[in-house]
């Protein structure tokens, strides 16, 4: 795979809110460091701590979130 890793959004007050792709939890100041980021079908998805912990085996198995 010759794709470059996308650069993270710069931190700061202008960071846009992030919504958990699984449960809809919101983080108004951008993704906290405890959230999990996944790139599926070319789009970046974030998962909150609770959703990531509940589906850890599927995430480590690199299954798309539609499978779990």
PDB file of N, CA and C in Angstrom:
ATOM      1  N   UNK A   1       0.843  -1.164   0.000  1.00  0.00           N
ATOM      2  CA  UNK A   1       0.000   0.000   0.000  1.00  0.00           C
ATOM      3  C   UNK A   1       0.890   1.228   0.000  1.00  0.00           C
ATOM      4  N   UNK A   2       0.716   2.056  -0.965  1.00  0.00           N
ATOM      5  CA  UNK A   2       1.534   3.249  -1.100  1.00  0.00           C
ATOM      6  C   UNK A   2       0.785   4.516  -0.723  1.00  0.00           C
ATOM      7  N   UNK A   3      -0.198   4.396   0.128  1.00  0.00           N
ATOM      8  CA  UNK A   3      -0.949   5.570   0.550  1.00  0.00           C
ATOM      9  C   UNK A   3      -0.231   6.239   1.709  1.00  0.00           C
ATOM     10  N   UNK A   4      -0.201   7.552   1.695  1.00  0.00           N
ATOM     11  CA  UNK A   4       0.402   8.278   2.793  1.00  0.00           C
ATOM     12  C   UNK A   4      -0.572   8.384   3.950  1.00  0.00           C
ATOM     13  N   UNK A   5      -0.025   8.403   5.151  1.00  0.00           N
ATOM     14  CA  UNK A   5      -0.844   8.553   6.348  1.00  0.00           C
ATOM     15  C   UNK A   5      -1.375   9.973   6.413  1.00  0.00           C
ATOM     16  N   UNK A   6      -2.703  10.154   6.569  1.00  0.00           N
ATOM     17  CA  UNK A   6      -3.240  11.516   6.657  1.00  0.00           C
ATOM     18  C   UNK A   6      -2.754  12.208   7.919  1.00  0.00           C
ATOM     19  N   UNK A   7      -2.487  13.486   7.800  1.00  0.00           N
ATOM     20  CA  UNK A   7      -2.041  14.277   8.941  1.00  0.00           C
ATOM     21  C   UNK A   7      -3.225  14.585   9.846  1.00  0.00           C
ATOM     22  N   UNK A   8      -3.020  14.537  11.168  1.00  0.00           N
ATOM     23  CA  UNK A   8      -4.124  14.844  12.090  1.00  0.00           C
ATOM     24  C   UNK A   8      -4.486  16.317  12.030  1.00  0.00           C
ATOM     25  N   UNK A   9      -5.723  16.608  12.385  1.00  0.00           N
ATOM     26  CA  UNK A   9      -6.168  17.995  12.445  1.00  0.00           C
ATOM     27  C   UNK A   9      -5.382  18.727  13.525  1.00  0.00           C
ATOM     28  N   UNK A  10      -5.044  19.974  13.287  1.00  0.00           N
ATOM     29  CA  UNK A  10      -4.303  20.705  14.312  1.00  0.00           C
ATOM     30  C   UNK A  10      -5.174  20.938  15.542  1.00  0.00           C
ATOM     31  N   UNK A  11      -4.589  20.762  16.733  1.00  0.00           N
ATOM     32  CA  UNK A  11      -5.374  20.992  17.949  1.00  0.00           C
ATOM     33  C   UNK A  11      -5.599  22.475  18.168  1.00  0.00           C
ATOM     34  N   UNK A  12      -6.585  22.769  18.936  1.00  0.00           N
ATOM     35  CA  UNK A  12      -6.846  24.164  19.255  1.00  0.00           C
ATOM     36  C   UNK A  12      -8.320  24.440  19.348  1.00  0.00           C
ATOM     37  N   UNK A  13      -8.678  25.681  19.666  1.00  0.00           N
ATOM     38  CA  UNK A  13     -10.091  26.017  19.841  1.00  0.00           C
ATOM     39  C   UNK A  13     -10.887  25.942  18.550  1.00  0.00           C
ATOM     40  N   UNK A  14     -10.224  25.994  17.396  1.00  0.00           N
ATOM     41  CA  UNK A  14     -10.959  25.925  16.137  1.00  0.00           C
ATOM     42  C   UNK A  14     -11.244  24.489  15.705  1.00  0.00           C
ATOM     43  N   UNK A  15     -10.811  23.505  16.523  1.00  0.00           N
ATOM     44  CA  UNK A  15     -11.070  22.106  16.192  1.00  0.00           C
ATOM     45  C   UNK A  15     -12.573  21.864  16.166  1.00  0.00           C
ATOM     46  N   UNK A  16     -13.021  21.157  15.162  1.00  0.00           N
ATOM     47  CA  UNK A  16     -14.462  20.929  15.024  1.00  0.00           C
ATOM     48  C   UNK A  16     -14.916  19.756  15.882  1.00  0.00           C
ATOM     49  N   UNK A  17     -16.181  19.739  16.245  1.00  0.00           N
ATOM     50  CA  UNK A  17     -16.696  18.659  17.096  1.00  0.00           C
ATOM     51  C   UNK A  17     -16.619  17.308  16.389  1.00  0.00           C
ATOM     52  N   UNK A  18     -16.470  16.279  17.184  1.00  0.00           N
ATOM     53  CA  UNK A  18     -16.386  14.918  16.665  1.00  0.00           C
ATOM     54  C   UNK A  18     -17.508  14.110  17.292  1.00  0.00           C
ATOM     55  N   UNK A  19     -18.113  13.225  16.497  1.00  0.00           N
ATOM     56  CA  UNK A  19     -19.219  12.381  16.953  1.00  0.00           C
ATOM     57  C   UNK A  19     -18.804  10.924  16.814  1.00  0.00           C
ATOM     58  N   UNK A  20     -19.074  10.130  17.840  1.00  0.00           N
ATOM     59  CA  UNK A  20     -18.791   8.698  17.794  1.00  0.00           C
ATOM     60  C   UNK A  20     -19.654   8.064  16.704  1.00  0.00           C
ATOM     61  N   UNK A  21     -19.029   7.307  15.818  1.00  0.00           N
ATOM     62  CA  UNK A  21     -19.746   6.685  14.705  1.00  0.00           C
ATOM     63  C   UNK A  21     -20.655   5.551  15.171  1.00  0.00           C
ATOM     64  N   UNK A  22     -20.486   5.083  16.385  1.00  0.00           N
ATOM     65  CA  UNK A  22     -21.272   3.957  16.886  1.00  0.00           C
ATOM     66  C   UNK A  22     -22.464   4.400  17.729  1.00  0.00           C
ATOM     67  N   UNK A  23     -22.207   5.252  18.740  1.00  0.00           N
ATOM     68  CA  UNK A  23     -23.281   5.593  19.685  1.00  0.00           C
ATOM     69  C   UNK A  23     -23.734   7.049  19.591  1.00  0.00           C
ATOM     70  N   UNK A  24     -22.987   7.886  18.887  1.00  0.00           N
ATOM     71  CA  UNK A  24     -23.386   9.278  18.728  1.00  0.00           C
ATOM     72  C   UNK A  24     -22.888  10.212  19.811  1.00  0.00           C
ATOM     73  N   UNK A  25     -22.008   9.735  20.702  1.00  0.00           N
ATOM     74  CA  UNK A  25     -21.446  10.611  21.745  1.00  0.00           C
ATOM     75  C   UNK A  25     -20.676  11.743  21.077  1.00  0.00           C
ATOM     76  N   UNK A  26     -20.719  12.928  21.682  1.00  0.00           N
ATOM     77  CA  UNK A  26     -20.081  14.109  21.090  1.00  0.00           C
ATOM     78  C   UNK A  26     -18.875  14.543  21.907  1.00  0.00           C
ATOM     79  N   UNK A  27     -17.879  15.050  21.192  1.00  0.00           N
ATOM     80  CA  UNK A  27     -16.719  15.674  21.821  1.00  0.00           C
ATOM     81  C   UNK A  27     -16.542  17.026  21.138  1.00  0.00           C
ATOM     82  N   UNK A  28     -16.900  18.123  21.806  1.00  0.00           N
ATOM     83  CA  UNK A  28     -16.931  19.429  21.150  1.00  0.00           C
ATOM     84  C   UNK A  28     -15.566  19.980  20.742  1.00  0.00           C
ATOM     85  N   UNK A  29     -14.487  19.584  21.399  1.00  0.00           N
ATOM     86  CA  UNK A  29     -13.177  20.168  21.101  1.00  0.00           C
ATOM     87  C   UNK A  29     -12.291  19.283  20.262  1.00  0.00           C
ATOM     88  N   UNK A  30     -12.852  18.451  19.424  1.00  0.00           N
ATOM     89  CA  UNK A  30     -12.053  17.519  18.643  1.00  0.00           C
ATOM     90  C   UNK A  30     -11.954  16.186  19.370  1.00  0.00           C
ATOM     91  N   UNK A  31     -11.331  15.196  18.736  1.00  0.00           N
ATOM     92  CA  UNK A  31     -11.273  13.867  19.353  1.00  0.00           C
ATOM     93  C   UNK A  31     -10.310  13.839  20.535  1.00  0.00           C
ATOM     94  N   UNK A  32     -10.748  13.351  21.690  1.00  0.00           N
ATOM     95  CA  UNK A  32      -9.845  13.189  22.823  1.00  0.00           C
ATOM     96  C   UNK A  32      -8.813  12.106  22.501  1.00  0.00           C
ATOM     97  N   UNK A  33      -7.674  12.111  23.162  1.00  0.00           N
ATOM     98  CA  UNK A  33      -6.652  11.098  22.871  1.00  0.00           C
ATOM     99  C   UNK A  33      -7.088   9.682  23.202  1.00  0.00           C
ATOM    100  N   UNK A  34      -8.153   9.524  23.973  1.00  0.00           N
ATOM    101  CA  UNK A  34      -8.618   8.183  24.337  1.00  0.00           C
ATOM    102  C   UNK A  34      -9.571   7.586  23.307  1.00  0.00           C
ATOM    103  N   UNK A  35     -10.025   8.364  22.341  1.00  0.00           N
ATOM    104  CA  UNK A  35     -10.918   7.850  21.306  1.00  0.00           C
ATOM    105  C   UNK A  35     -10.113   7.109  20.246  1.00  0.00           C
ATOM    106  N   UNK A  36     -10.772   6.200  19.528  1.00  0.00           N
ATOM    107  CA  UNK A  36     -10.140   5.421  18.475  1.00  0.00           C
ATOM    108  C   UNK A  36     -10.553   5.972  17.124  1.00  0.00           C
ATOM    109  N   UNK A  37      -9.595   6.052  16.217  1.00  0.00           N
ATOM    110  CA  UNK A  37      -9.859   6.536  14.864  1.00  0.00           C
ATOM    111  C   UNK A  37      -9.692   5.375  13.894  1.00  0.00           C
ATOM    112  N   UNK A  38     -10.605   5.258  12.963  1.00  0.00           N
ATOM    113  CA  UNK A  38     -10.559   4.204  11.958  1.00  0.00           C
ATOM    114  C   UNK A  38     -10.858   4.817  10.594  1.00  0.00           C
ATOM    115  N   UNK A  39     -10.130   4.381   9.579  1.00  0.00           N
ATOM    116  CA  UNK A  39     -10.405   4.825   8.210  1.00  0.00           C
ATOM    117  C   UNK A  39     -11.073   3.668   7.494  1.00  0.00           C
ATOM    118  N   UNK A  40     -12.334   3.868   7.120  1.00  0.00           N
ATOM    119  CA  UNK A  40     -13.116   2.839   6.444  1.00  0.00           C
ATOM    120  C   UNK A  40     -13.683   3.418   5.161  1.00  0.00           C
ATOM    121  N   UNK A  41     -13.417   2.750   4.066  1.00  0.00           N
ATOM    122  CA  UNK A  41     -13.891   3.191   2.749  1.00  0.00           C
ATOM    123  C   UNK A  41     -13.482   4.628   2.461  1.00  0.00           C
ATOM    124  N   UNK A  42     -12.288   5.012   2.896  1.00  0.00           N
ATOM    125  CA  UNK A  42     -11.757   6.337   2.603  1.00  0.00           C
ATOM    126  C   UNK A  42     -12.236   7.448   3.510  1.00  0.00           C
ATOM    127  N   UNK A  43     -13.071   7.144   4.490  1.00  0.00           N
ATOM    128  CA  UNK A  43     -13.535   8.193   5.399  1.00  0.00           C
ATOM    129  C   UNK A  43     -13.082   7.873   6.822  1.00  0.00           C
ATOM    130  N   UNK A  44     -12.765   8.912   7.567  1.00  0.00           N
ATOM    131  CA  UNK A  44     -12.288   8.771   8.934  1.00  0.00           C
ATOM    132  C   UNK A  44     -13.474   8.705   9.889  1.00  0.00           C
ATOM    133  N   UNK A  45     -13.479   7.688  10.744  1.00  0.00           N
ATOM    134  CA  UNK A  45     -14.535   7.521  11.731  1.00  0.00           C
ATOM    135  C   UNK A  45     -13.901   7.455  13.111  1.00  0.00           C
ATOM    136  N   UNK A  46     -14.562   8.066  14.080  1.00  0.00           N
ATOM    137  CA  UNK A  46     -14.075   8.060  15.456  1.00  0.00           C
ATOM    138  C   UNK A  46     -15.031   7.265  16.324  1.00  0.00           C
ATOM    139  N   UNK A  47     -14.448   6.569  17.335  1.00  0.00           N
ATOM    140  CA  UNK A  47     -15.231   5.777  18.270  1.00  0.00           C
ATOM    141  C   UNK A  47     -14.844   6.169  19.693  1.00  0.00           C
ATOM    142  N   UNK A  48     -15.842   6.394  20.537  1.00  0.00           N
ATOM    143  CA  UNK A  48     -15.597   6.812  21.914  1.00  0.00           C
ATOM    144  C   UNK A  48     -14.966   5.659  22.699  1.00  0.00           C
ATOM    145  N   UNK A  49     -14.525   5.952  23.901  1.00  0.00           N
ATOM    146  CA  UNK A  49     -13.851   4.965  24.747  1.00  0.00           C
ATOM    147  C   UNK A  49     -14.746   3.752  24.998  1.00  0.00           C
ATOM    148  N   UNK A  50     -16.003   3.988  25.340  1.00  0.00           N
ATOM    149  CA  UNK A  50     -16.913   2.885  25.662  1.00  0.00           C
ATOM    150  C   UNK A  50     -17.138   1.968  24.465  1.00  0.00           C
ATOM    151  N   UNK A  51     -17.361   2.546  23.286  1.00  0.00           N
ATOM    152  CA  UNK A  51     -17.594   1.733  22.085  1.00  0.00           C
ATOM    153  C   UNK A  51     -16.328   0.989  21.674  1.00  0.00           C
ATOM    154  N   UNK A  52     -15.177   1.645  21.794  1.00  0.00           N
ATOM    155  CA  UNK A  52     -13.914   1.004  21.441  1.00  0.00           C
ATOM    156  C   UNK A  52     -13.631  -0.176  22.373  1.00  0.00           C
ATOM    157  N   UNK A  53     -13.868   0.007  23.668  1.00  0.00           N
ATOM    158  CA  UNK A  53     -13.636  -1.088  24.620  1.00  0.00           C
ATOM    159  C   UNK A  53     -14.580  -2.256  24.377  1.00  0.00           C
ATOM    160  N   UNK A  54     -15.827  -1.960  24.065  1.00  0.00           N
ATOM    161  CA  UNK A  54     -16.814  -3.019  23.846  1.00  0.00           C
ATOM    162  C   UNK A  54     -16.522  -3.833  22.585  1.00  0.00           C
ATOM    163  N   UNK A  55     -15.795  -3.250  21.647  1.00  0.00           N
ATOM    164  CA  UNK A  55     -15.547  -3.917  20.366  1.00  0.00           C
ATOM    165  C   UNK A  55     -14.055  -4.066  20.077  1.00  0.00           C
ATOM    166  N   UNK A  56     -13.259  -4.187  21.124  1.00  0.00           N
ATOM    167  CA  UNK A  56     -11.814  -4.220  20.983  1.00  0.00           C
ATOM    168  C   UNK A  56     -11.321  -5.343  20.081  1.00  0.00           C
ATOM    169  N   UNK A  57     -11.851  -6.537  20.232  1.00  0.00           N
ATOM    170  CA  UNK A  57     -11.397  -7.670  19.411  1.00  0.00           C
ATOM    171  C   UNK A  57     -11.672  -7.440  17.928  1.00  0.00           C
ATOM    172  N   UNK A  58     -12.804  -6.873  17.616  1.00  0.00           N
ATOM    173  CA  UNK A  58     -13.138  -6.594  16.212  1.00  0.00           C
ATOM    174  C   UNK A  58     -12.237  -5.509  15.649  1.00  0.00           C
ATOM    175  N   UNK A  59     -11.920  -4.514  16.465  1.00  0.00           N
ATOM    176  CA  UNK A  59     -11.037  -3.436  16.010  1.00  0.00           C
ATOM    177  C   UNK A  59      -9.645  -3.988  15.763  1.00  0.00           C
ATOM    178  N   UNK A  60      -9.132  -4.789  16.695  1.00  0.00           N
ATOM    179  CA  UNK A  60      -7.805  -5.375  16.518  1.00  0.00           C
ATOM    180  C   UNK A  60      -7.770  -6.345  15.347  1.00  0.00           C
ATOM    181  N   UNK A  61      -8.892  -6.980  15.043  1.00  0.00           N
ATOM    182  CA  UNK A  61      -8.990  -7.876  13.891  1.00  0.00           C
ATOM    183  C   UNK A  61      -9.180  -7.125  12.589  1.00  0.00           C
ATOM    184  N   UNK A  62      -9.219  -5.800  12.666  1.00  0.00           N
ATOM    185  CA  UNK A  62      -9.369  -4.918  11.514  1.00  0.00           C
ATOM    186  C   UNK A  62     -10.658  -5.156  10.735  1.00  0.00           C
ATOM    187  N   UNK A  63     -11.711  -5.493  11.453  1.00  0.00           N
ATOM    188  CA  UNK A  63     -13.022  -5.619  10.821  1.00  0.00           C
ATOM    189  C   UNK A  63     -13.652  -4.259  10.688  1.00  0.00           C
ATOM    190  N   UNK A  64     -14.336  -4.009   9.597  1.00  0.00           N
ATOM    191  CA  UNK A  64     -15.078  -2.744   9.444  1.00  0.00           C
ATOM    192  C   UNK A  64     -16.160  -2.682  10.510  1.00  0.00           C
ATOM    193  N   UNK A  65     -16.514  -1.464  10.906  1.00  0.00           N
ATOM    194  CA  UNK A  65     -17.505  -1.311  11.967  1.00  0.00           C
ATOM    195  C   UNK A  65     -18.871  -1.856  11.577  1.00  0.00           C
ATOM    196  N   UNK A  66     -19.144  -2.008  10.287  1.00  0.00           N
ATOM    197  CA  UNK A  66     -20.421  -2.588   9.880  1.00  0.00           C
ATOM    198  C   UNK A  66     -20.528  -4.060  10.315  1.00  0.00           C
ATOM    199  N   UNK A  67     -19.403  -4.719  10.575  1.00  0.00           N
ATOM    200  CA  UNK A  67     -19.422  -6.115  11.020  1.00  0.00           C
ATOM    201  C   UNK A  67     -19.690  -6.233  12.505  1.00  0.00           C
ATOM    202  N   UNK A  68     -19.417  -5.174  13.274  1.00  0.00           N
ATOM    203  CA  UNK A  68     -19.637  -5.262  14.708  1.00  0.00           C
ATOM    204  C   UNK A  68     -20.658  -4.275  15.112  1.00  0.00           C
TER     205      UNK A  68
END
